Amino acid sequence: MSRSKALQSYILLRLLLAPLMLWTIASLVFLLLRATPGDPVDAILGPKAPELEKEKIRQQLGLGAPLWVQYLRYMGSLLQFDLGTSLTTRGQTVWEIIQQYFPATLEIAVCSMTVALLVGIGVGIMSASHPNTPWDVGGRMFGIITYSLPAFWVGMLMQLIFAVQLGWFPLGTRFPIAATPPQGPTGLYTVDSLLSLNFGQFFTAIYYLALPSITLGILISGIFERIVRVNLKQTLQADYVEAARARGIQERKIVMAHALKNAMIPVITVMGLTLAALLGGAILTEVTFSWPGLANRLYEAISLRDYPTVQGIVVFFAAIVVLASILIDILNAYIDPRIRY
């Protein structure tokens, strides 16, 4: 079988398996939510509400039906791309919640990824090009420490130092409460402010975005540092690199023009999956910085036992991860001709 046909067969298989993966995730979330203690009706009416009123609301929301009936209704709605309606936000569908909060999460994820790539790749190159030196040891320590530090603790520490003590950045939120945020089609404050040529709003959005993005970006930069360091170190020992050195080419040019290109192939894989994970895994950072993103909204929904919102947001994030993994496999196959499926 030719390489192109093998790739097409692999992509088709992944696309066929994607609904199965999403169904598994949706089923697990459905069951786990109902297995944990707590009642969403208490979040709506309060724990001291009359039991008769609770039962009335429970029947209206369909929570009084047997578990298997609720499951079949939920799966039937998913097949129609209906994620349901929030239990705690009157009349607001889960799709409307995603549309409202996802741009903030996307914005902080992209900015954090940019910081992570710049810092991680830079430290990784410095570490790999100076083996067995203090630069190498420092790079390895940087990767281990940033990867292991808890996000909420680092976030609070950054707030304490740079917002409270130094006053360089705001404590949190996405835009000043007293100011009018940028209005536009994307929901991304940085993009919408540029589209309207309002540079004051743009710099304000960057100002509020800086501290959470730097915090989250530095924490995940250790992943890229370790990958770049290991792969670049192996590449610098390859025969073609030794041949380039024998021809008298400068070491910096060898690293940047020859070795780094091959060492970056695994980074592309990790970059795509990390960005997909960032979209759903930035809960602690968003909560710490009071960032009005979808991950923060998911945290609130979990606290309020809002079943449809939690299920819908988790399935939405899972779909992003599944789609990202398929796109990364395709991209890698075109970038690296050595890959076979």
C-alpha atoms as a PDB file:
ATOM      1  CA  MET A   1       0.000   0.000   0.000  1.00  0.00           C
ATOM      2  CA  SER A   2       1.365   3.448  -0.920  1.00  0.00           C
ATOM      3  CA  ARG A   3       2.071   6.017   1.763  1.00  0.00           C
ATOM      4  CA  SER A   4      -0.758   8.337   0.670  1.00  0.00           C
ATOM      5  CA  LYS A   5      -3.351   5.536   0.724  1.00  0.00           C
ATOM      6  CA  ALA A   6      -2.105   4.321   4.093  1.00  0.00           C
ATOM      7  CA  LEU A   7      -2.489   7.854   5.463  1.00  0.00           C
ATOM      8  CA  GLN A   8      -5.990   8.151   4.002  1.00  0.00           C
ATOM      9  CA  SER A   9      -6.986   4.829   5.599  1.00  0.00           C
ATOM     10  CA  TYR A  10      -5.565   5.961   8.942  1.00  0.00           C
ATOM     11  CA  ILE A  11      -7.425   9.288   8.817  1.00  0.00           C
ATOM     12  CA  LEU A  12     -10.675   7.526   7.909  1.00  0.00           C
ATOM     13  CA  LEU A  13     -10.220   5.131  10.828  1.00  0.00           C
ATOM     14  CA  ARG A  14      -9.570   8.005  13.244  1.00  0.00           C
ATOM     15  CA  LEU A  15     -12.649   9.856  12.013  1.00  0.00           C
ATOM     16  CA  LEU A  16     -14.768   6.741  12.490  1.00  0.00           C
ATOM     17  CA  LEU A  17     -13.392   6.220  16.010  1.00  0.00           C
ATOM     18  CA  ALA A  18     -13.908   9.864  17.033  1.00  0.00           C
ATOM     19  CA  PRO A  19     -17.681   9.494  17.732  1.00  0.00           C
ATOM     20  CA  LEU A  20     -16.946   6.385  19.815  1.00  0.00           C
ATOM     21  CA  MET A  21     -14.429   8.302  21.923  1.00  0.00           C
ATOM     22  CA  LEU A  22     -16.849  11.191  22.429  1.00  0.00           C
ATOM     23  CA  TRP A  23     -19.643   8.777  23.361  1.00  0.00           C
ATOM     24  CA  THR A  24     -17.377   7.128  25.966  1.00  0.00           C
ATOM     25  CA  ILE A  25     -16.434  10.483  27.482  1.00  0.00           C
ATOM     26  CA  ALA A  26     -20.031  11.724  27.497  1.00  0.00           C
ATOM     27  CA  SER A  27     -21.208   8.506  29.182  1.00  0.00           C
ATOM     28  CA  LEU A  28     -18.511   8.678  31.851  1.00  0.00           C
ATOM     29  CA  VAL A  29     -19.318  12.302  32.665  1.00  0.00           C
ATOM     30  CA  PHE A  30     -23.036  11.523  32.813  1.00  0.00           C
ATOM     31  CA  LEU A  31     -22.527   8.646  35.243  1.00  0.00           C
ATOM     32  CA  LEU A  32     -19.876  10.316  37.406  1.00  0.00           C
ATOM     33  CA  LEU A  33     -21.975  13.420  37.931  1.00  0.00           C
ATOM     34  CA  ARG A  34     -24.876  11.381  39.193  1.00  0.00           C
ATOM     35  CA  ALA A  35     -22.673   9.113  41.305  1.00  0.00           C
ATOM     36  CA  THR A  36     -21.256  12.000  43.332  1.00  0.00           C
ATOM     37  CA  PRO A  37     -23.266  13.351  46.282  1.00  0.00           C
ATOM     38  CA  GLY A  38     -25.374  16.466  45.883  1.00  0.00           C
ATOM     39  CA  ASP A  39     -28.626  17.548  44.283  1.00  0.00           C
ATOM     40  CA  PRO A  40     -28.857  20.230  41.574  1.00  0.00           C
ATOM     41  CA  VAL A  41     -32.303  21.193  42.874  1.00  0.00           C
ATOM     42  CA  ASP A  42     -30.661  22.323  46.131  1.00  0.00           C
ATOM     43  CA  ALA A  43     -28.457  24.661  44.091  1.00  0.00           C
ATOM     44  CA  ILE A  44     -31.558  26.121  42.435  1.00  0.00           C
ATOM     45  CA  LEU A  45     -33.958  26.449  45.396  1.00  0.00           C
ATOM     46  CA  GLY A  46     -31.594  26.127  48.337  1.00  0.00           C
ATOM     47  CA  PRO A  47     -31.338  23.243  50.813  1.00  0.00           C
ATOM     48  CA  LYS A  48     -34.109  24.645  53.056  1.00  0.00           C
ATOM     49  CA  ALA A  49     -36.765  24.775  50.335  1.00  0.00           C
ATOM     50  CA  PRO A  50     -39.926  22.657  50.885  1.00  0.00           C
ATOM     51  CA  GLU A  51     -39.577  19.092  49.667  1.00  0.00           C
ATOM     52  CA  LEU A  52     -42.773  19.387  47.624  1.00  0.00           C
ATOM     53  CA  GLU A  53     -41.304  22.341  45.713  1.00  0.00           C
ATOM     54  CA  LYS A  54     -38.064  20.419  45.159  1.00  0.00           C
ATOM     55  CA  GLU A  55     -39.926  17.454  43.743  1.00  0.00           C
ATOM     56  CA  LYS A  56     -41.914  19.727  41.436  1.00  0.00           C
ATOM     57  CA  ILE A  57     -38.718  21.271  40.031  1.00  0.00           C
ATOM     58  CA  ARG A  58     -37.114  17.844  39.781  1.00  0.00           C
ATOM     59  CA  GLN A  59     -39.959  16.581  37.615  1.00  0.00           C
ATOM     60  CA  GLN A  60     -39.882  19.715  35.433  1.00  0.00           C
ATOM     61  CA  LEU A  61     -36.181  19.244  34.763  1.00  0.00           C
ATOM     62  CA  GLY A  62     -36.532  15.533  34.084  1.00  0.00           C
ATOM     63  CA  LEU A  63     -34.366  14.598  37.074  1.00  0.00           C
ATOM     64  CA  GLY A  64     -37.096  12.466  38.581  1.00  0.00           C
ATOM     65  CA  ALA A  65     -37.030   9.959  35.715  1.00  0.00           C
ATOM     66  CA  PRO A  66     -35.070   6.698  36.029  1.00  0.00           C
ATOM     67  CA  LEU A  67     -31.358   6.960  35.296  1.00  0.00           C
ATOM     68  CA  TRP A  68     -31.561   4.977  32.050  1.00  0.00           C
ATOM     69  CA  VAL A  69     -34.333   7.240  30.763  1.00  0.00           C
ATOM     70  CA  GLN A  70     -32.236  10.337  31.541  1.00  0.00           C
ATOM     71  CA  TYR A  71     -29.276   8.729  29.761  1.00  0.00           C
ATOM     72  CA  LEU A  72     -31.262   7.914  26.622  1.00  0.00           C
ATOM     73  CA  ARG A  73     -32.683  11.436  26.529  1.00  0.00           C
ATOM     74  CA  TYR A  74     -29.198  12.886  26.895  1.00  0.00           C
ATOM     75  CA  MET A  75     -27.730  10.718  24.129  1.00  0.00           C
ATOM     76  CA  GLY A  76     -30.675  11.515  21.860  1.00  0.00           C
ATOM     77  CA  SER A  77     -30.032  15.222  22.366  1.00  0.00           C
ATOM     78  CA  LEU A  78     -26.319  14.782  21.652  1.00  0.00           C
ATOM     79  CA  LEU A  79     -27.099  13.082  18.348  1.00  0.00           C
ATOM     80  CA  GLN A  80     -28.999  16.250  17.406  1.00  0.00           C
ATOM     81  CA  PHE A  81     -26.054  18.429  18.593  1.00  0.00           C
ATOM     82  CA  ASP A  82     -28.229  19.711  21.419  1.00  0.00           C
ATOM     83  CA  LEU A  83     -26.141  20.134  24.593  1.00  0.00           C
ATOM     84  CA  GLY A  84     -29.157  21.064  26.684  1.00  0.00           C
ATOM     85  CA  THR A  85     -30.133  24.053  28.803  1.00  0.00           C
ATOM     86  CA  SER A  86     -28.404  25.218  31.962  1.00  0.00           C
ATOM     87  CA  LEU A  87     -30.183  24.390  35.206  1.00  0.00           C
ATOM     88  CA  THR A  88     -28.860  27.441  37.050  1.00  0.00           C
ATOM     89  CA  THR A  89     -28.992  30.074  34.276  1.00  0.00           C
ATOM     90  CA  ARG A  90     -32.590  30.640  33.309  1.00  0.00           C
ATOM     91  CA  GLY A  91     -33.287  29.860  29.672  1.00  0.00           C
ATOM     92  CA  GLN A  92     -29.637  29.914  28.583  1.00  0.00           C
ATOM     93  CA  THR A  93     -28.572  26.967  26.478  1.00  0.00           C
ATOM     94  CA  VAL A  94     -25.161  25.345  26.862  1.00  0.00           C
ATOM     95  CA  TRP A  95     -24.258  26.426  23.323  1.00  0.00           C
ATOM     96  CA  GLU A  96     -24.948  30.043  24.321  1.00  0.00           C
ATOM     97  CA  ILE A  97     -22.717  29.611  27.381  1.00  0.00           C
ATOM     98  CA  ILE A  98     -19.930  28.220  25.194  1.00  0.00           C
ATOM     99  CA  GLN A  99     -20.313  31.077  22.729  1.00  0.00           C
ATOM    100  CA  GLN A 100     -20.180  33.611  25.569  1.00  0.00           C
ATOM    101  CA  TYR A 101     -17.228  32.239  27.556  1.00  0.00           C
ATOM    102  CA  PHE A 102     -15.069  30.310  25.084  1.00  0.00           C
ATOM    103  CA  PRO A 103     -13.395  33.357  23.437  1.00  0.00           C
ATOM    104  CA  ALA A 104     -11.819  34.330  26.779  1.00  0.00           C
ATOM    105  CA  THR A 105     -10.430  30.826  27.242  1.00  0.00           C
ATOM    106  CA  LEU A 106      -9.171  30.715  23.660  1.00  0.00           C
ATOM    107  CA  GLU A 107      -7.443  34.073  24.088  1.00  0.00           C
ATOM    108  CA  ILE A 108      -5.600  33.126  27.264  1.00  0.00           C
ATOM    109  CA  ALA A 109      -4.706  29.702  25.827  1.00  0.00           C
ATOM    110  CA  VAL A 110      -3.156  31.154  22.651  1.00  0.00           C
ATOM    111  CA  CYS A 111      -1.224  33.814  24.579  1.00  0.00           C
ATOM    112  CA  SER A 112      -0.020  31.265  27.148  1.00  0.00           C
ATOM    113  CA  MET A 113       1.085  28.930  24.369  1.00  0.00           C
ATOM    114  CA  THR A 114       3.040  31.763  22.749  1.00  0.00           C
ATOM    115  CA  VAL A 115       4.851  32.454  26.026  1.00  0.00           C
ATOM    116  CA  ALA A 116       5.477  28.740  26.571  1.00  0.00           C
ATOM    117  CA  LEU A 117       6.967  28.259  23.097  1.00  0.00           C
ATOM    118  CA  LEU A 118       9.230  31.304  23.312  1.00  0.00           C
ATOM    119  CA  VAL A 119      10.526  30.440  26.776  1.00  0.00           C
ATOM    120  CA  GLY A 120      10.597  26.641  26.425  1.00  0.00           C
ATOM    121  CA  ILE A 121      12.265  26.509  23.018  1.00  0.00           C
ATOM    122  CA  GLY A 122      14.729  29.235  23.970  1.00  0.00           C
ATOM    123  CA  VAL A 123      15.804  27.499  27.180  1.00  0.00           C
ATOM    124  CA  GLY A 124      15.872  24.122  25.414  1.00  0.00           C
ATOM    125  CA  ILE A 125      18.184  25.423  22.671  1.00  0.00           C
ATOM    126  CA  MET A 126      20.491  27.033  25.204  1.00  0.00           C
ATOM    127  CA  SER A 127      20.622  23.846  27.272  1.00  0.00           C
ATOM    128  CA  ALA A 128      21.210  21.464  24.332  1.00  0.00           C
ATOM    129  CA  SER A 129      23.859  23.636  22.654  1.00  0.00           C
ATOM    130  CA  HIS A 130      25.885  23.855  25.900  1.00  0.00           C
ATOM    131  CA  PRO A 131      25.919  20.230  27.164  1.00  0.00           C
ATOM    132  CA  ASN A 132      27.332  19.430  30.607  1.00  0.00           C
ATOM    133  CA  THR A 133      27.619  23.096  31.544  1.00  0.00           C
ATOM    134  CA  PRO A 134      25.785  25.259  34.090  1.00  0.00           C
ATOM    135  CA  TRP A 135      23.485  26.308  31.212  1.00  0.00           C
ATOM    136  CA  ASP A 136      22.531  22.664  30.684  1.00  0.00           C
ATOM    137  CA  VAL A 137      21.960  22.021  34.388  1.00  0.00           C
ATOM    138  CA  GLY A 138      19.932  25.208  34.720  1.00  0.00           C
ATOM    139  CA  GLY A 139      17.772  24.267  31.736  1.00  0.00           C
ATOM    140  CA  ARG A 140      17.049  20.833  33.160  1.00  0.00           C
ATOM    141  CA  MET A 141      16.181  22.296  36.559  1.00  0.00           C
ATOM    142  CA  PHE A 142      13.922  24.837  34.873  1.00  0.00           C
ATOM    143  CA  GLY A 143      12.026  22.082  33.048  1.00  0.00           C
ATOM    144  CA  ILE A 144      11.551  19.980  36.173  1.00  0.00           C
ATOM    145  CA  ILE A 145      10.518  22.858  38.441  1.00  0.00           C
ATOM    146  CA  THR A 146       8.066  24.532  36.055  1.00  0.00           C
ATOM    147  CA  TYR A 147       6.428  21.213  35.207  1.00  0.00           C
ATOM    148  CA  SER A 148       5.923  20.235  38.852  1.00  0.00           C
ATOM    149  CA  LEU A 149       4.737  23.519  40.384  1.00  0.00           C
ATOM    150  CA  PRO A 150       0.969  23.734  41.112  1.00  0.00           C
ATOM    151  CA  ALA A 151      -0.780  26.302  38.935  1.00  0.00           C
ATOM    152  CA  PHE A 152      -2.967  27.811  41.665  1.00  0.00           C
ATOM    153  CA  TRP A 153       0.007  28.381  44.002  1.00  0.00           C
ATOM    154  CA  VAL A 154       2.133  30.004  41.299  1.00  0.00           C
ATOM    155  CA  GLY A 155      -0.844  32.129  40.247  1.00  0.00           C
ATOM    156  CA  MET A 156      -1.408  33.439  43.767  1.00  0.00           C
ATOM    157  CA  LEU A 157       2.336  34.034  44.204  1.00  0.00           C
ATOM    158  CA  MET A 158       2.485  36.022  40.939  1.00  0.00           C
ATOM    159  CA  GLN A 159      -0.532  38.040  42.040  1.00  0.00           C
ATOM    160  CA  LEU A 160       1.050  38.760  45.419  1.00  0.00           C
ATOM    161  CA  ILE A 161       4.366  39.900  43.919  1.00  0.00           C
ATOM    162  CA  PHE A 162       3.436  41.662  40.677  1.00  0.00           C
ATOM    163  CA  ALA A 163      -0.104  42.868  41.452  1.00  0.00           C
ATOM    164  CA  VAL A 164      -0.194  43.523  45.199  1.00  0.00           C
ATOM    165  CA  GLN A 165       3.422  44.347  46.108  1.00  0.00           C
ATOM    166  CA  LEU A 166       4.702  45.945  42.888  1.00  0.00           C
ATOM    167  CA  GLY A 167       1.380  47.032  41.392  1.00  0.00           C
ATOM    168  CA  TRP A 168       2.541  46.311  37.848  1.00  0.00           C
ATOM    169  CA  PHE A 169      -0.531  44.291  36.818  1.00  0.00           C
ATOM    170  CA  PRO A 170      -4.186  44.012  37.867  1.00  0.00           C
ATOM    171  CA  LEU A 171      -5.200  41.237  40.242  1.00  0.00           C
ATOM    172  CA  GLY A 172      -7.558  39.618  37.781  1.00  0.00           C
ATOM    173  CA  THR A 173     -10.554  39.897  35.463  1.00  0.00           C
ATOM    174  CA  ARG A 174     -10.385  40.448  31.716  1.00  0.00           C
ATOM    175  CA  PHE A 175     -11.101  44.172  31.385  1.00  0.00           C
ATOM    176  CA  PRO A 176     -11.719  47.125  33.743  1.00  0.00           C
ATOM    177  CA  ILE A 177     -15.207  46.962  35.204  1.00  0.00           C
ATOM    178  CA  ALA A 178     -15.839  50.661  34.622  1.00  0.00           C
ATOM    179  CA  ALA A 179     -14.665  50.523  30.994  1.00  0.00           C
ATOM    180  CA  THR A 180     -16.547  49.311  27.923  1.00  0.00           C
ATOM    181  CA  PRO A 181     -14.915  46.149  26.534  1.00  0.00           C
ATOM    182  CA  PRO A 182     -14.188  45.772  22.816  1.00  0.00           C
ATOM    183  CA  GLN A 183     -17.172  44.764  20.720  1.00  0.00           C
ATOM    184  CA  GLY A 184     -16.716  42.614  17.646  1.00  0.00           C
ATOM    185  CA  PRO A 185     -17.459  39.378  15.839  1.00  0.00           C
ATOM    186  CA  THR A 186     -14.769  37.195  17.426  1.00  0.00           C
ATOM    187  CA  GLY A 187     -15.244  37.851  21.146  1.00  0.00           C
ATOM    188  CA  LEU A 188     -11.452  38.089  21.459  1.00  0.00           C
ATOM    189  CA  TYR A 189     -10.720  41.485  22.996  1.00  0.00           C
ATOM    190  CA  THR A 190      -7.279  41.789  21.404  1.00  0.00           C
ATOM    191  CA  VAL A 191      -8.565  40.946  17.926  1.00  0.00           C
ATOM    192  CA  ASP A 192     -11.788  42.963  18.123  1.00  0.00           C
ATOM    193  CA  SER A 193      -9.971  46.068  19.379  1.00  0.00           C
ATOM    194  CA  LEU A 194      -7.525  45.821  16.454  1.00  0.00           C
ATOM    195  CA  LEU A 195     -10.369  45.336  13.985  1.00  0.00           C
ATOM    196  CA  SER A 196     -11.977  48.535  15.249  1.00  0.00           C
ATOM    197  CA  LEU A 197      -8.550  50.281  15.309  1.00  0.00           C
ATOM    198  CA  ASN A 198      -9.027  51.113  18.989  1.00  0.00           C
ATOM    199  CA  PHE A 199      -5.448  50.770  20.206  1.00  0.00           C
ATOM    200  CA  GLY A 200      -6.318  52.001  23.693  1.00  0.00           C
ATOM    201  CA  GLN A 201      -8.608  49.011  24.198  1.00  0.00           C
ATOM    202  CA  PHE A 202      -5.983  46.734  22.641  1.00  0.00           C
ATOM    203  CA  PHE A 203      -3.242  47.704  25.081  1.00  0.00           C
ATOM    204  CA  THR A 204      -5.697  47.519  27.979  1.00  0.00           C
ATOM    205  CA  ALA A 205      -6.667  43.980  26.931  1.00  0.00           C
ATOM    206  CA  ILE A 206      -2.976  43.009  26.694  1.00  0.00           C
ATOM    207  CA  TYR A 207      -2.348  44.579  30.109  1.00  0.00           C
ATOM    208  CA  TYR A 208      -5.032  42.449  31.753  1.00  0.00           C
ATOM    209  CA  LEU A 209      -4.019  39.378  29.754  1.00  0.00           C
ATOM    210  CA  ALA A 210      -0.303  39.570  30.542  1.00  0.00           C
ATOM    211  CA  LEU A 211      -0.024  38.199  34.085  1.00  0.00           C
ATOM    212  CA  PRO A 212      -2.264  35.096  33.720  1.00  0.00           C
ATOM    213  CA  SER A 213      -0.737  34.298  30.320  1.00  0.00           C
ATOM    214  CA  ILE A 214       2.830  34.620  31.605  1.00  0.00           C
ATOM    215  CA  THR A 215       1.984  32.492  34.639  1.00  0.00           C
ATOM    216  CA  LEU A 216       0.369  29.681  32.673  1.00  0.00           C
ATOM    217  CA  GLY A 217       2.911  29.949  29.845  1.00  0.00           C
ATOM    218  CA  ILE A 218       5.919  29.567  32.144  1.00  0.00           C
ATOM    219  CA  LEU A 219       4.314  26.587  33.872  1.00  0.00           C
ATOM    220  CA  ILE A 220       3.884  24.653  30.610  1.00  0.00           C
ATOM    221  CA  SER A 221       7.135  25.883  29.033  1.00  0.00           C
ATOM    222  CA  GLY A 222       9.009  23.128  30.866  1.00  0.00           C
ATOM    223  CA  ILE A 223       7.325  20.561  28.597  1.00  0.00           C
ATOM    224  CA  PHE A 224       8.787  22.182  25.484  1.00  0.00           C
ATOM    225  CA  GLU A 225      12.165  22.741  27.128  1.00  0.00           C
ATOM    226  CA  ARG A 226      12.570  19.051  27.857  1.00  0.00           C
ATOM    227  CA  ILE A 227      11.450  17.945  24.386  1.00  0.00           C
ATOM    228  CA  VAL A 228      13.614  20.484  22.544  1.00  0.00           C
ATOM    229  CA  ARG A 229      16.636  19.739  24.727  1.00  0.00           C
ATOM    230  CA  VAL A 230      16.462  15.952  24.278  1.00  0.00           C
ATOM    231  CA  ASN A 231      15.758  15.987  20.538  1.00  0.00           C
ATOM    232  CA  LEU A 232      18.173  18.784  19.717  1.00  0.00           C
ATOM    233  CA  LYS A 233      20.922  17.097  21.723  1.00  0.00           C
ATOM    234  CA  GLN A 234      20.425  13.882  19.729  1.00  0.00           C
ATOM    235  CA  THR A 235      20.286  15.779  16.439  1.00  0.00           C
ATOM    236  CA  LEU A 236      23.543  17.621  17.202  1.00  0.00           C
ATOM    237  CA  GLN A 237      25.250  14.234  17.404  1.00  0.00           C
ATOM    238  CA  ALA A 238      24.071  13.155  13.926  1.00  0.00           C
ATOM    239  CA  ASP A 239      26.515  12.537  11.093  1.00  0.00           C
ATOM    240  CA  TYR A 240      25.299  15.404   8.901  1.00  0.00           C
ATOM    241  CA  VAL A 241      25.877  17.827  11.781  1.00  0.00           C
ATOM    242  CA  GLU A 242      29.421  16.546  12.228  1.00  0.00           C
ATOM    243  CA  ALA A 243      29.940  16.972   8.489  1.00  0.00           C
ATOM    244  CA  ALA A 244      28.710  20.562   8.699  1.00  0.00           C
ATOM    245  CA  ARG A 245      31.140  21.241  11.525  1.00  0.00           C
ATOM    246  CA  ALA A 246      33.968  19.724   9.483  1.00  0.00           C
ATOM    247  CA  ARG A 247      33.180  22.173   6.682  1.00  0.00           C
ATOM    248  CA  GLY A 248      33.744  25.033   9.122  1.00  0.00           C
ATOM    249  CA  ILE A 249      30.124  26.211   9.435  1.00  0.00           C
ATOM    250  CA  GLN A 250      29.485  28.262  12.553  1.00  0.00           C
ATOM    251  CA  GLU A 251      27.946  26.369  15.465  1.00  0.00           C
ATOM    252  CA  ARG A 252      25.084  28.836  15.779  1.00  0.00           C
ATOM    253  CA  LYS A 253      24.155  28.375  12.109  1.00  0.00           C
ATOM    254  CA  ILE A 254      24.354  24.583  12.486  1.00  0.00           C
ATOM    255  CA  VAL A 255      21.971  24.671  15.446  1.00  0.00           C
ATOM    256  CA  MET A 256      19.440  27.111  13.986  1.00  0.00           C
ATOM    257  CA  ALA A 257      19.488  26.157  10.291  1.00  0.00           C
ATOM    258  CA  HIS A 258      20.166  22.414  10.369  1.00  0.00           C
ATOM    259  CA  ALA A 259      19.570  20.682  13.699  1.00  0.00           C
ATOM    260  CA  LEU A 260      16.639  22.667  15.082  1.00  0.00           C
ATOM    261  CA  LYS A 261      14.374  21.929  12.116  1.00  0.00           C
ATOM    262  CA  ASN A 262      14.510  18.171  12.703  1.00  0.00           C
ATOM    263  CA  ALA A 263      14.322  18.580  16.473  1.00  0.00           C
ATOM    264  CA  MET A 264      11.091  20.593  16.153  1.00  0.00           C
ATOM    265  CA  ILE A 265       9.023  17.744  14.688  1.00  0.00           C
ATOM    266  CA  PRO A 266       8.066  16.267  18.103  1.00  0.00           C
ATOM    267  CA  VAL A 267       7.387  19.797  19.373  1.00  0.00           C
ATOM    268  CA  ILE A 268       4.604  20.210  16.800  1.00  0.00           C
ATOM    269  CA  THR A 269       2.855  17.130  18.168  1.00  0.00           C
ATOM    270  CA  VAL A 270       3.111  18.279  21.766  1.00  0.00           C
ATOM    271  CA  MET A 271       2.211  21.863  20.838  1.00  0.00           C
ATOM    272  CA  GLY A 272      -1.110  20.859  19.291  1.00  0.00           C
ATOM    273  CA  LEU A 273      -2.097  18.551  22.124  1.00  0.00           C
ATOM    274  CA  THR A 274      -0.959  21.056  24.772  1.00  0.00           C
ATOM    275  CA  LEU A 275      -3.024  23.824  23.186  1.00  0.00           C
ATOM    276  CA  ALA A 276      -6.053  21.529  23.099  1.00  0.00           C
ATOM    277  CA  ALA A 277      -5.470  20.598  26.734  1.00  0.00           C
ATOM    278  CA  LEU A 278      -5.009  24.269  27.656  1.00  0.00           C
ATOM    279  CA  LEU A 279      -8.470  25.075  26.339  1.00  0.00           C
ATOM    280  CA  GLY A 280      -9.971  22.750  28.924  1.00  0.00           C
ATOM    281  CA  GLY A 281      -7.288  22.502  31.559  1.00  0.00           C
ATOM    282  CA  ALA A 282      -6.793  26.125  32.560  1.00  0.00           C
ATOM    283  CA  ILE A 283      -9.438  25.931  35.279  1.00  0.00           C
ATOM    284  CA  LEU A 284      -7.102  26.698  38.183  1.00  0.00           C
ATOM    285  CA  THR A 285      -5.526  29.648  36.400  1.00  0.00           C
ATOM    286  CA  GLU A 286      -8.886  31.092  35.359  1.00  0.00           C
ATOM    287  CA  VAL A 287     -10.311  30.696  38.861  1.00  0.00           C
ATOM    288  CA  THR A 288      -7.200  32.190  40.490  1.00  0.00           C
ATOM    289  CA  PHE A 289      -7.216  35.256  38.207  1.00  0.00           C
ATOM    290  CA  SER A 290     -11.031  35.542  38.070  1.00  0.00           C
ATOM    291  CA  TRP A 291     -10.758  35.125  34.319  1.00  0.00           C
ATOM    292  CA  PRO A 292     -14.263  34.872  32.785  1.00  0.00           C
ATOM    293  CA  GLY A 293     -13.485  31.907  30.552  1.00  0.00           C
ATOM    294  CA  LEU A 294     -15.222  28.637  29.798  1.00  0.00           C
ATOM    295  CA  ALA A 295     -13.007  26.688  32.198  1.00  0.00           C
ATOM    296  CA  ASN A 296     -14.027  29.014  35.027  1.00  0.00           C
ATOM    297  CA  ARG A 297     -17.661  28.597  34.003  1.00  0.00           C
ATOM    298  CA  LEU A 298     -17.169  24.823  34.117  1.00  0.00           C
ATOM    299  CA  TYR A 299     -15.864  25.133  37.687  1.00  0.00           C
ATOM    300  CA  GLU A 300     -18.963  27.112  38.674  1.00  0.00           C
ATOM    301  CA  ALA A 301     -21.236  24.559  36.994  1.00  0.00           C
ATOM    302  CA  ILE A 302     -19.561  21.708  38.888  1.00  0.00           C
ATOM    303  CA  SER A 303     -20.021  23.590  42.172  1.00  0.00           C
ATOM    304  CA  LEU A 304     -23.712  24.182  41.407  1.00  0.00           C
ATOM    305  CA  ARG A 305     -24.326  20.626  40.167  1.00  0.00           C
ATOM    306  CA  ASP A 306     -25.471  21.997  36.819  1.00  0.00           C
ATOM    307  CA  TYR A 307     -25.535  18.677  34.955  1.00  0.00           C
ATOM    308  CA  PRO A 308     -26.248  19.886  31.383  1.00  0.00           C
ATOM    309  CA  THR A 309     -23.609  22.640  31.538  1.00  0.00           C
ATOM    310  CA  VAL A 310     -20.893  20.346  32.881  1.00  0.00           C
ATOM    311  CA  GLN A 311     -21.712  17.606  30.370  1.00  0.00           C
ATOM    312  CA  GLY A 312     -21.887  20.004  27.446  1.00  0.00           C
ATOM    313  CA  ILE A 313     -18.636  21.843  28.211  1.00  0.00           C
ATOM    314  CA  VAL A 314     -16.709  18.604  28.818  1.00  0.00           C
ATOM    315  CA  VAL A 315     -17.966  17.103  25.535  1.00  0.00           C
ATOM    316  CA  PHE A 316     -17.076  20.342  23.744  1.00  0.00           C
ATOM    317  CA  PHE A 317     -13.528  20.273  25.135  1.00  0.00           C
ATOM    318  CA  ALA A 318     -13.225  16.556  24.338  1.00  0.00           C
ATOM    319  CA  ALA A 319     -14.238  17.207  20.726  1.00  0.00           C
ATOM    320  CA  ILE A 320     -11.485  19.842  20.466  1.00  0.00           C
ATOM    321  CA  VAL A 321      -8.868  17.417  21.793  1.00  0.00           C
ATOM    322  CA  VAL A 322      -9.970  14.615  19.450  1.00  0.00           C
ATOM    323  CA  LEU A 323      -9.999  16.923  16.434  1.00  0.00           C
ATOM    324  CA  ALA A 324      -6.604  18.392  17.384  1.00  0.00           C
ATOM    325  CA  SER A 325      -5.007  14.960  17.681  1.00  0.00           C
ATOM    326  CA  ILE A 326      -6.255  13.987  14.201  1.00  0.00           C
ATOM    327  CA  LEU A 327      -5.008  17.231  12.654  1.00  0.00           C
ATOM    328  CA  ILE A 328      -1.610  16.814  14.330  1.00  0.00           C
ATOM    329  CA  ASP A 329      -1.205  13.303  12.910  1.00  0.00           C
ATOM    330  CA  ILE A 330      -1.999  14.597   9.436  1.00  0.00           C
ATOM    331  CA  LEU A 331       0.384  17.542   9.812  1.00  0.00           C
ATOM    332  CA  ASN A 332       3.204  15.319  11.062  1.00  0.00           C
ATOM    333  CA  ALA A 333       2.747  12.941   8.149  1.00  0.00           C
ATOM    334  CA  TYR A 334       3.198  15.774   5.661  1.00  0.00           C
ATOM    335  CA  ILE A 335       6.097  17.390   7.524  1.00  0.00           C
ATOM    336  CA  ASP A 336       8.081  14.205   8.161  1.00  0.00           C
ATOM    337  CA  PRO A 337       8.104  11.745   5.208  1.00  0.00           C
ATOM    338  CA  ARG A 338       9.620   9.061   7.476  1.00  0.00           C
ATOM    339  CA  ILE A 339       6.315   8.641   9.341  1.00  0.00           C
ATOM    340  CA  ARG A 340       4.324   5.588   8.288  1.00  0.00           C
ATOM    341  CA  TYR A 341       0.786   4.604   9.252  1.00  0.00           C
END
